[in-house]
Protein backbone atom coordinates (compact mmCIF):
# COMPACT_ATOMS: atom_id res chain seq x y z
CA MET A 1 -14.54 0.65 20.41
CA SER A 2 -14.87 4.04 19.44
CA ALA A 3 -12.70 5.32 16.98
CA LEU A 4 -12.63 8.58 18.86
CA ALA A 5 -11.52 7.17 22.13
CA PRO A 6 -8.11 8.78 22.34
CA LEU A 7 -9.84 12.33 22.14
CA ARG A 8 -11.12 11.53 25.42
CA HIS A 9 -7.44 12.10 26.97
CA ALA A 10 -6.47 15.88 27.56
CA PRO A 11 -2.51 15.10 26.80
CA PHE A 12 -3.54 13.86 23.49
CA ARG A 13 -5.63 16.53 22.51
CA LEU A 14 -2.84 19.04 23.10
CA LEU A 15 -0.26 16.90 21.42
CA ILE A 16 -2.29 16.78 18.24
CA ALA A 17 -3.05 20.39 18.43
CA GLY A 18 0.45 21.52 18.71
CA ARG A 19 1.53 19.15 15.96
CA THR A 20 -1.35 20.11 13.62
CA ILE A 21 -0.57 23.82 13.73
CA ASN A 22 3.03 23.00 12.86
CA ALA A 23 1.86 20.97 10.06
CA LEU A 24 -0.49 23.85 8.46
CA GLY A 25 2.49 26.06 8.52
CA ASN A 26 5.02 23.45 7.17
CA SER A 27 2.58 22.98 4.29
CA PHE A 28 3.27 26.64 3.33
CA ALA A 29 7.05 26.40 3.79
CA THR A 30 7.42 23.36 1.70
CA LEU A 31 5.85 24.98 -1.32
CA ALA A 32 7.09 28.55 -0.50
CA LEU A 33 10.78 27.58 -0.22
CA ALA A 34 10.80 25.66 -3.59
CA PHE A 35 9.47 28.75 -5.49
CA ALA A 36 11.41 31.14 -3.79
CA VAL A 37 14.46 29.24 -4.68
CA LEU A 38 13.31 28.71 -8.24
CA ASP A 39 12.44 32.77 -8.37
CA LEU A 40 15.78 33.29 -7.14
CA THR A 41 18.02 31.41 -9.53
CA GLY A 42 15.80 29.03 -11.76
CA SER A 43 17.71 26.06 -11.21
CA THR A 44 16.57 22.66 -10.05
CA SER A 45 20.05 22.05 -8.85
CA ASP A 46 20.04 24.93 -6.50
CA LEU A 47 16.85 23.82 -5.10
CA GLY A 48 17.91 20.17 -4.68
CA LEU A 49 20.86 21.91 -2.77
CA VAL A 50 19.01 23.65 -0.50
CA VAL A 51 16.63 21.05 0.38
CA GLY A 52 19.24 18.57 0.50
CA ILE A 53 21.56 20.18 2.79
CA ARG A 54 18.73 20.50 5.39
CA THR A 55 17.62 17.03 5.02
CA LEU A 56 21.10 16.09 5.67
CA VAL A 57 21.71 17.91 8.71
CA ASN A 58 18.47 17.07 9.96
CA VAL A 59 19.80 13.03 9.46
CA MET A 60 23.02 13.90 11.05
CA PHE A 61 21.38 14.89 14.31
CA LEU A 62 18.57 12.50 14.63
CA LEU A 63 20.44 9.89 16.70
CA PHE A 64 21.30 12.65 19.32
CA GLY A 65 17.44 13.62 19.19
CA GLY A 66 16.88 10.06 20.10
CA VAL A 67 19.39 9.75 23.08
CA LEU A 68 17.99 13.27 24.48
CA ALA A 69 14.32 12.07 24.39
CA ASP A 70 15.13 9.03 26.23
CA ARG A 71 16.82 11.05 28.90
CA MET A 72 14.93 14.23 29.57
CA PRO A 73 11.56 15.29 29.24
CA LYS A 74 10.22 15.16 25.73
CA GLN A 75 7.89 18.13 25.94
CA VAL A 76 11.04 20.47 26.62
CA LEU A 77 12.76 19.40 23.69
CA MET A 78 9.51 19.83 21.43
CA VAL A 79 9.03 23.44 22.86
CA GLY A 80 12.66 24.60 22.42
CA SER A 81 12.77 23.18 18.92
CA SER A 82 9.49 24.82 18.03
CA LEU A 83 11.02 28.31 19.38
CA ALA A 84 14.13 27.90 17.33
CA ALA A 85 12.39 26.94 14.10
CA ALA A 86 10.10 30.13 14.52
CA LEU A 87 12.95 32.36 14.84
CA SER A 88 15.01 30.29 11.93
CA GLN A 89 12.16 30.58 9.70
CA GLY A 90 11.40 34.04 10.53
CA ILE A 91 14.76 35.27 9.43
CA VAL A 92 14.46 33.25 6.18
CA ALA A 93 10.92 35.06 5.47
CA PHE A 94 12.46 38.61 6.11
CA LEU A 95 15.26 37.71 3.53
CA VAL A 96 13.13 36.56 0.88
CA LEU A 97 10.63 39.42 1.35
CA SER A 98 13.39 42.05 1.33
CA ASP A 99 15.06 40.54 -1.67
CA LEU A 100 18.16 39.82 0.18
CA ALA A 101 18.01 36.16 0.00
CA THR A 102 20.83 33.98 -1.51
CA VAL A 103 21.30 30.41 -2.00
CA PRO A 104 24.19 30.21 0.60
CA LEU A 105 22.19 31.99 3.32
CA LEU A 106 18.96 29.75 2.48
CA ILE A 107 21.51 26.73 2.80
CA VAL A 108 22.82 28.02 6.21
CA LEU A 109 19.38 28.82 7.71
CA GLY A 110 18.01 25.44 6.30
CA ALA A 111 20.83 23.71 8.16
CA VAL A 112 19.91 25.40 11.50
CA ASN A 113 16.20 24.36 10.75
CA GLY A 114 16.94 20.85 10.02
CA MET A 115 19.21 20.49 13.15
CA VAL A 116 16.43 22.01 15.54
CA GLY A 117 13.89 19.73 14.20
CA ALA A 118 16.09 16.56 14.30
CA LEU A 119 16.65 17.18 17.98
CA ALA A 120 12.90 17.14 18.65
CA LEU A 121 11.24 14.70 15.91
CA PRO A 122 12.20 11.54 17.84
CA ALA A 123 10.61 13.05 21.15
CA SER A 124 7.17 14.18 19.34
CA SER A 125 7.01 10.66 17.65
CA SER A 126 7.63 8.71 20.74
CA ILE A 127 5.54 10.71 23.23
CA LEU A 128 2.26 9.67 21.64
CA PRO A 129 2.18 6.49 23.85
CA GLN A 130 2.42 8.42 27.15
CA THR A 131 -1.00 10.20 26.17
CA VAL A 132 -3.30 7.39 25.71
CA PRO A 133 -3.79 3.78 27.07
CA ALA A 134 -2.23 0.83 24.99
CA ASP A 135 -5.60 -0.46 23.83
CA VAL A 136 -6.28 2.74 21.69
CA ARG A 137 -2.87 3.35 20.27
CA GLN A 138 -3.93 2.33 16.51
CA GLN A 139 -6.79 4.78 16.78
CA ALA A 140 -4.63 7.55 18.24
CA ASN A 141 -2.15 6.97 15.59
CA ALA A 142 -4.54 7.33 12.83
CA ILE A 143 -6.33 10.37 14.31
CA ASN A 144 -2.68 12.02 14.88
CA ARG A 145 -2.06 11.40 11.14
CA LEU A 146 -5.62 12.62 10.28
CA THR A 147 -5.28 15.74 11.91
CA LEU A 148 -1.77 16.26 10.30
CA ASN A 149 -3.01 15.76 6.76
CA SER A 150 -6.18 17.78 7.35
CA ALA A 151 -3.91 20.56 8.08
CA VAL A 152 -1.81 19.94 4.72
CA ILE A 153 -4.60 19.54 2.54
CA LEU A 154 -6.36 22.93 3.97
CA GLY A 155 -2.86 24.65 3.68
CA ALA A 156 -1.38 23.47 0.47
CA PRO A 157 -3.81 24.84 -1.85
CA LEU A 158 -3.80 27.95 0.05
CA ALA A 159 -0.09 28.13 -0.13
CA GLY A 160 -0.47 27.79 -3.85
CA VAL A 161 -2.68 30.96 -3.95
CA VAL A 162 -0.55 32.77 -1.49
CA VAL A 163 2.60 32.19 -3.28
CA ALA A 164 1.29 32.62 -6.75
CA ALA A 165 -0.31 35.87 -5.88
CA THR A 166 2.20 37.66 -3.52
CA ASN A 167 5.56 36.33 -2.44
CA PRO A 168 7.09 33.12 -1.40
CA GLY A 169 8.22 34.84 1.56
CA TRP A 170 4.81 35.20 3.06
CA GLY A 171 4.33 31.51 3.01
CA ILE A 172 7.74 31.07 4.79
CA ALA A 173 6.48 33.90 7.41
CA ILE A 174 3.41 31.90 8.09
CA ASP A 175 5.31 28.79 8.72
CA ALA A 176 7.65 30.97 11.47
CA VAL A 177 4.42 32.11 13.12
CA THR A 178 2.87 28.61 13.41
CA PHE A 179 6.09 27.09 15.16
CA LEU A 180 5.61 29.87 17.81
CA ILE A 181 2.08 29.04 18.33
CA ALA A 182 2.88 25.32 18.44
CA GLY A 183 5.58 25.94 20.93
CA LEU A 184 3.06 27.59 23.29
CA VAL A 185 0.85 24.72 23.08
CA PHE A 186 3.18 22.00 23.85
CA LEU A 187 4.27 23.97 27.13
CA ALA A 188 0.75 22.71 28.39
CA LEU A 189 2.46 19.18 28.16
CA ARG A 190 4.95 19.82 30.81
CA SER A 191 3.21 17.96 33.69
CA LEU A 192 2.90 14.92 31.48
CA PRO A 193 4.04 11.79 33.33
CA ALA A 194 6.98 10.18 32.08
CA PRO A 195 7.43 6.43 31.83
CA ALA A 196 9.31 4.77 34.95
CA LYS A 197 13.11 4.81 34.32
CA PRO A 198 14.82 1.64 33.58
CA LYS A 199 17.35 -0.10 36.23
CA ASP A 200 20.19 1.14 33.96
CA ALA A 201 19.00 4.52 33.70
CA ALA A 202 22.20 6.08 35.03
CA ARG A 203 24.49 5.91 32.06
CA PRO A 204 28.09 7.34 31.82
CA HIS A 205 27.88 9.07 28.40
CA ILE A 206 25.24 9.28 25.33
CA PHE A 207 27.19 6.54 23.20
CA ALA A 208 26.14 3.82 25.66
CA ASP A 209 22.51 4.86 24.87
CA LEU A 210 23.40 5.01 20.93
CA ARG A 211 24.62 1.12 21.35
CA THR A 212 21.49 0.30 23.16
CA GLY A 213 19.34 1.79 20.77
CA TRP A 214 21.13 0.03 17.72
CA THR A 215 21.03 -3.36 19.64
CA GLU A 216 17.02 -2.90 19.79
CA PHE A 217 16.78 -1.77 16.09
CA TRP A 218 19.05 -4.31 14.76
CA SER A 219 17.53 -7.28 16.68
CA ARG A 220 14.28 -6.79 14.75
CA THR A 221 14.63 -7.93 11.11
CA TRP A 222 11.37 -6.73 10.06
CA LEU A 223 12.48 -3.30 11.57
CA TRP A 224 15.45 -2.79 9.56
CA VAL A 225 14.12 -4.29 6.36
CA VAL A 226 11.59 -1.83 6.14
CA VAL A 227 13.86 1.01 7.01
CA ALA A 228 16.27 -0.11 4.20
CA ALA A 229 13.54 -0.13 1.66
CA PHE A 230 12.44 3.43 2.69
CA ALA A 231 15.81 4.67 2.35
CA VAL A 232 15.19 4.02 -1.46
CA ILE A 233 11.53 5.06 -1.44
CA ASN A 234 12.12 8.37 0.29
CA ALA A 235 15.14 9.26 -2.09
CA CYS A 236 12.97 8.67 -5.03
CA TRP A 237 9.85 10.40 -3.68
CA SER A 238 11.65 13.48 -2.20
CA GLY A 239 13.86 14.10 -5.22
CA GLY A 240 11.09 13.20 -7.67
CA LEU A 241 8.04 15.03 -6.02
CA TYR A 242 9.47 17.84 -4.23
CA VAL A 243 12.50 19.00 -6.51
CA LEU A 244 11.29 17.92 -9.92
CA GLY A 245 7.65 18.33 -9.30
CA PRO A 246 7.73 22.15 -8.90
CA ALA A 247 9.65 22.14 -12.20
CA VAL A 248 7.26 20.14 -13.99
CA ALA A 249 4.51 22.33 -12.71
CA ASP A 250 6.30 25.54 -13.82
CA ASP A 251 6.45 24.18 -17.43
CA THR A 252 2.99 22.76 -17.54
CA PHE A 253 0.07 23.08 -15.48
CA GLY A 254 1.29 26.02 -13.17
CA ARG A 255 2.10 26.63 -9.62
CA GLN A 256 -1.42 26.85 -8.19
CA ASN A 257 -2.58 23.44 -9.70
CA TRP A 258 0.62 21.97 -8.12
CA GLY A 259 -0.85 22.91 -4.69
CA PHE A 260 -4.01 21.39 -5.65
CA VAL A 261 -2.23 18.12 -6.42
CA LEU A 262 -0.30 18.15 -3.30
CA ALA A 263 -3.76 18.76 -1.68
CA ALA A 264 -5.13 15.69 -3.36
CA GLN A 265 -2.18 13.57 -1.96
CA THR A 266 -3.13 14.82 1.42
CA GLY A 267 -6.83 14.04 0.88
CA GLY A 268 -6.33 10.68 0.17
CA MET A 269 -4.25 10.30 3.23
CA ILE A 270 -7.15 11.53 5.24
CA LEU A 271 -9.54 9.00 3.94
CA GLY A 272 -6.81 6.40 4.45
CA ALA A 273 -6.43 7.14 8.20
CA LEU A 274 -10.28 6.83 8.35
CA ILE A 275 -10.07 3.79 6.98
CA ALA A 276 -7.13 2.55 9.13
CA MET A 277 -8.68 3.58 12.41
CA ARG A 278 -11.23 0.81 11.83
CA LEU A 279 -9.17 -1.77 10.54
CA ARG A 280 -8.69 -5.13 12.65
CA VAL A 281 -5.73 -6.99 11.09
CA ARG A 282 -3.51 -9.57 12.30
CA ARG A 283 -0.79 -8.87 9.93
CA LEU A 284 -0.99 -5.25 10.18
CA LEU A 285 2.80 -4.51 9.14
CA LEU A 286 2.23 -6.75 5.86
CA LEU A 287 -0.95 -4.72 4.93
CA GLY A 288 1.03 -1.59 5.50
CA ALA A 289 4.07 -2.66 3.59
CA ALA A 290 2.10 -3.85 0.43
CA SER A 291 0.12 -0.47 0.48
CA THR A 292 3.11 1.28 -0.44
CA PHE A 293 3.40 0.27 -4.11
CA GLY A 294 1.04 3.19 -4.32
CA MET A 295 3.90 5.63 -4.01
CA ALA A 296 5.14 4.97 -7.26
CA LEU A 297 2.11 6.35 -9.04
CA PRO A 298 2.71 10.05 -8.65
CA LEU A 299 6.25 9.88 -9.84
CA LEU A 300 5.29 7.51 -13.03
CA LEU A 301 2.43 9.90 -13.82
CA LEU A 302 4.53 13.02 -13.79
CA GLY A 303 7.03 11.53 -16.10
CA LEU A 304 4.46 9.84 -18.52
CA TYR A 305 1.25 11.94 -18.29
CA PRO A 306 1.76 15.26 -16.25
CA HIS A 307 -2.01 16.20 -16.53
CA VAL A 308 -3.73 17.85 -13.64
CA VAL A 309 -6.79 15.81 -13.41
CA ALA A 310 -4.65 12.35 -13.86
CA LEU A 311 -2.21 13.76 -11.06
CA ILE A 312 -4.92 14.66 -8.80
CA VAL A 313 -6.24 11.19 -8.81
CA GLY A 314 -3.11 9.31 -8.73
CA ALA A 315 -1.99 11.67 -5.56
CA LEU A 316 -5.39 10.92 -3.93
CA LEU A 317 -4.74 7.02 -4.38
CA ALA A 318 -1.03 7.29 -3.32
CA GLY A 319 -2.08 9.31 -0.46
CA GLY A 320 -4.75 6.63 0.70
CA LEU A 321 -2.39 3.76 0.38
CA LEU A 322 0.43 5.56 2.18
CA GLU A 323 -1.58 5.99 5.28
CA GLN A 324 -2.32 2.55 5.64
CA PHE A 325 1.31 2.11 6.18
CA GLY A 326 2.16 4.96 8.48
CA VAL A 327 -0.59 4.01 10.99
CA ALA A 328 0.53 0.29 10.42
CA TRP A 329 4.37 1.19 11.01
CA GLU A 330 3.51 3.65 13.90
CA THR A 331 1.42 1.08 15.69
CA THR A 332 3.92 -1.74 15.27
CA MET A 333 7.05 0.25 16.54
CA GLN A 334 4.87 1.20 19.68
CA GLU A 335 3.61 -2.31 20.34
CA HIS A 336 6.99 -4.21 19.87
CA VAL A 337 9.55 -1.80 21.19
CA PRO A 338 10.06 -1.15 24.75
CA ALA A 339 8.89 2.29 25.77
CA ASP A 340 12.03 3.50 27.49
CA LYS A 341 14.00 2.84 24.42
CA LEU A 342 11.35 3.89 21.67
CA ALA A 343 12.74 7.24 21.13
CA ARG A 344 16.21 5.78 20.37
CA VAL A 345 14.71 3.33 17.85
CA TYR A 346 12.64 5.93 16.46
CA SER A 347 15.87 7.84 15.80
CA TYR A 348 17.72 5.00 13.87
CA ASP A 349 14.27 4.37 12.12
CA MET A 350 14.27 8.04 10.91
CA VAL A 351 18.03 8.10 9.99
CA GLY A 352 17.76 4.74 7.98
CA SER A 353 14.73 5.96 6.40
CA PHE A 354 15.83 9.44 5.68
CA ILE A 355 19.64 9.14 5.06
CA ALA A 356 18.81 8.87 1.18
CA MET A 357 16.47 11.87 1.03
CA PRO A 358 19.43 14.35 0.60
CA ILE A 359 21.23 12.25 -1.83
CA GLY A 360 18.17 11.91 -4.04
CA GLU A 361 17.59 16.06 -3.70
CA LEU A 362 20.97 16.64 -4.54
CA LEU A 363 21.49 14.28 -7.22
CA VAL A 364 18.05 14.40 -8.91
CA GLY A 365 18.72 17.81 -10.47
CA PRO A 366 22.04 16.76 -12.45
CA ILE A 367 20.70 13.32 -13.32
CA SER A 368 17.56 15.15 -14.84
CA HIS A 369 19.87 17.46 -16.69
CA ARG A 370 21.52 14.55 -18.35
CA VAL A 371 18.70 11.96 -19.08
CA GLY A 372 15.74 14.35 -19.05
CA VAL A 373 13.08 15.34 -16.21
CA ARG A 374 10.49 12.79 -17.31
CA ALA A 375 12.94 9.74 -17.79
CA THR A 376 14.44 10.44 -14.48
CA LEU A 377 10.84 10.52 -12.96
CA VAL A 378 9.70 7.23 -14.47
CA GLY A 379 13.25 5.76 -13.25
CA ALA A 380 12.31 6.89 -9.60
CA GLY A 381 8.85 5.20 -9.90
CA VAL A 382 10.54 2.01 -11.08
CA LEU A 383 12.80 2.11 -8.24
CA VAL A 384 9.86 2.33 -5.75
CA ILE A 385 8.42 -0.60 -6.75
CA VAL A 386 11.70 -2.52 -6.67
CA ALA A 387 12.09 -1.34 -3.13
CA VAL A 388 8.48 -2.46 -2.16
CA LEU A 389 9.02 -6.06 -3.46
CA GLY A 390 12.35 -6.15 -1.31
CA MET A 391 10.15 -5.47 1.86
CA LEU A 392 7.61 -7.97 0.85
CA ALA A 393 10.46 -10.75 0.20
CA SER A 394 11.20 -10.59 3.91
CA ARG A 395 9.47 -13.37 5.66
CA ASP A 396 9.27 -11.27 9.18
CA VAL A 397 7.46 -8.52 7.49
CA ARG A 398 5.06 -10.76 5.98
CA THR A 399 4.42 -12.74 9.15
CA LEU A 400 4.53 -10.25 12.03
CA ARG A 401 1.56 -10.18 14.12
CA HIS A 402 -0.36 -7.34 15.73
CA GLU A 403 -2.37 -7.85 19.04
CA LEU A 404 -5.91 -6.82 18.61
CA PRO A 405 -7.27 -5.05 21.41
CA GLU A 406 -10.89 -6.10 22.94
CA ARG A 407 -13.67 -4.55 20.89
CA ASP A 408 -15.41 -3.25 24.04
CA PRO A 409 -12.78 -1.86 26.62
CA GLY A 410 -15.17 -0.39 28.54
CA PRO A 411 -15.49 3.35 29.68
CA VAL A 412 -12.41 5.49 29.48
CA LYS A 413 -11.94 8.06 31.97
CA GLU A 414 -10.64 11.34 30.77
CA SER A 415 -6.89 12.05 31.79
CA VAL A 416 -5.92 15.61 32.76
CA PRO A 417 -2.32 16.93 32.14
């Protein structure tokens, strides 16, 4: 089977084009917003507050995004969210560039951005199976993640150069423009056929959909065990890497080099995706879960040995291992969850995985003030290792089987949206 077989399908090409454009802009925004806040107040607690509130609002609206994605055309949500995000990020860029930004304003606009992103995220994640046949989903997931990470590896070092040489506001402005372009690309998906509606399609209210999604989620032990572990992992990762990481960079090796560290992590993810699209493994989820040990490496290095070369190597390894989990998880979800409930289950997955992120981002500043930045980073790395061991302790995670496709599926006819 050709690893590039999914690219024969035009809807898939449009989907990854739009998502890749968004990823390119977001690679600027993540770095630019962090340094915009640090330039404004110099406080990691303020930075944690800005990114933490945004994440909290995002989590609060994810479940409703999953319901909407199973009730209406997914591409409509994707287009609307992209346009709204372009507007909110454009306002943030204007405020930063004109020296009118304040922490309260950045919190409010970040919350708006988090809300519109949440309403579309389950849709953009669950629409992929509509764009390719089932026998090439693993390759499609790998290509999707490969292109997203390629955008980041191009954007992160460039963002570091732009932010260091000019003003963080220009990085946020680039993000706003890419949201606008992505929205136009997603418009081309408007004729994508939706899955057949189930017999219970006429529902009295959204809470019935939420209950159905919860039942699907909780009935699969492998699913909630992994999500629970990632609640811990993501809290440590987001607080350590995206709040304390920039502060360590400012005190040691500089902002531009921090961009190269983030790019190395993404470079590892690109290599990981190239490997993942070729793998034929019966216990795909087990492989993915075990690979997440690598997420502890950058946190431990930042705490124990914050030198650029070591961090670049560690980030490269961590990215490659993380991508084995990403492809395995997407493929497993799409294989074992019914298509008409996939967006709702995705939303519970996202809420469970992300719920601790704002907590980690909000608390990591005060904790680091009390015990020290490096001790906090080492503690976060240890917690990641403990969470991965918890995942692997589940028999369902270790034994869930992946249905391997035939090696030669025959010629694939291109589909046209």
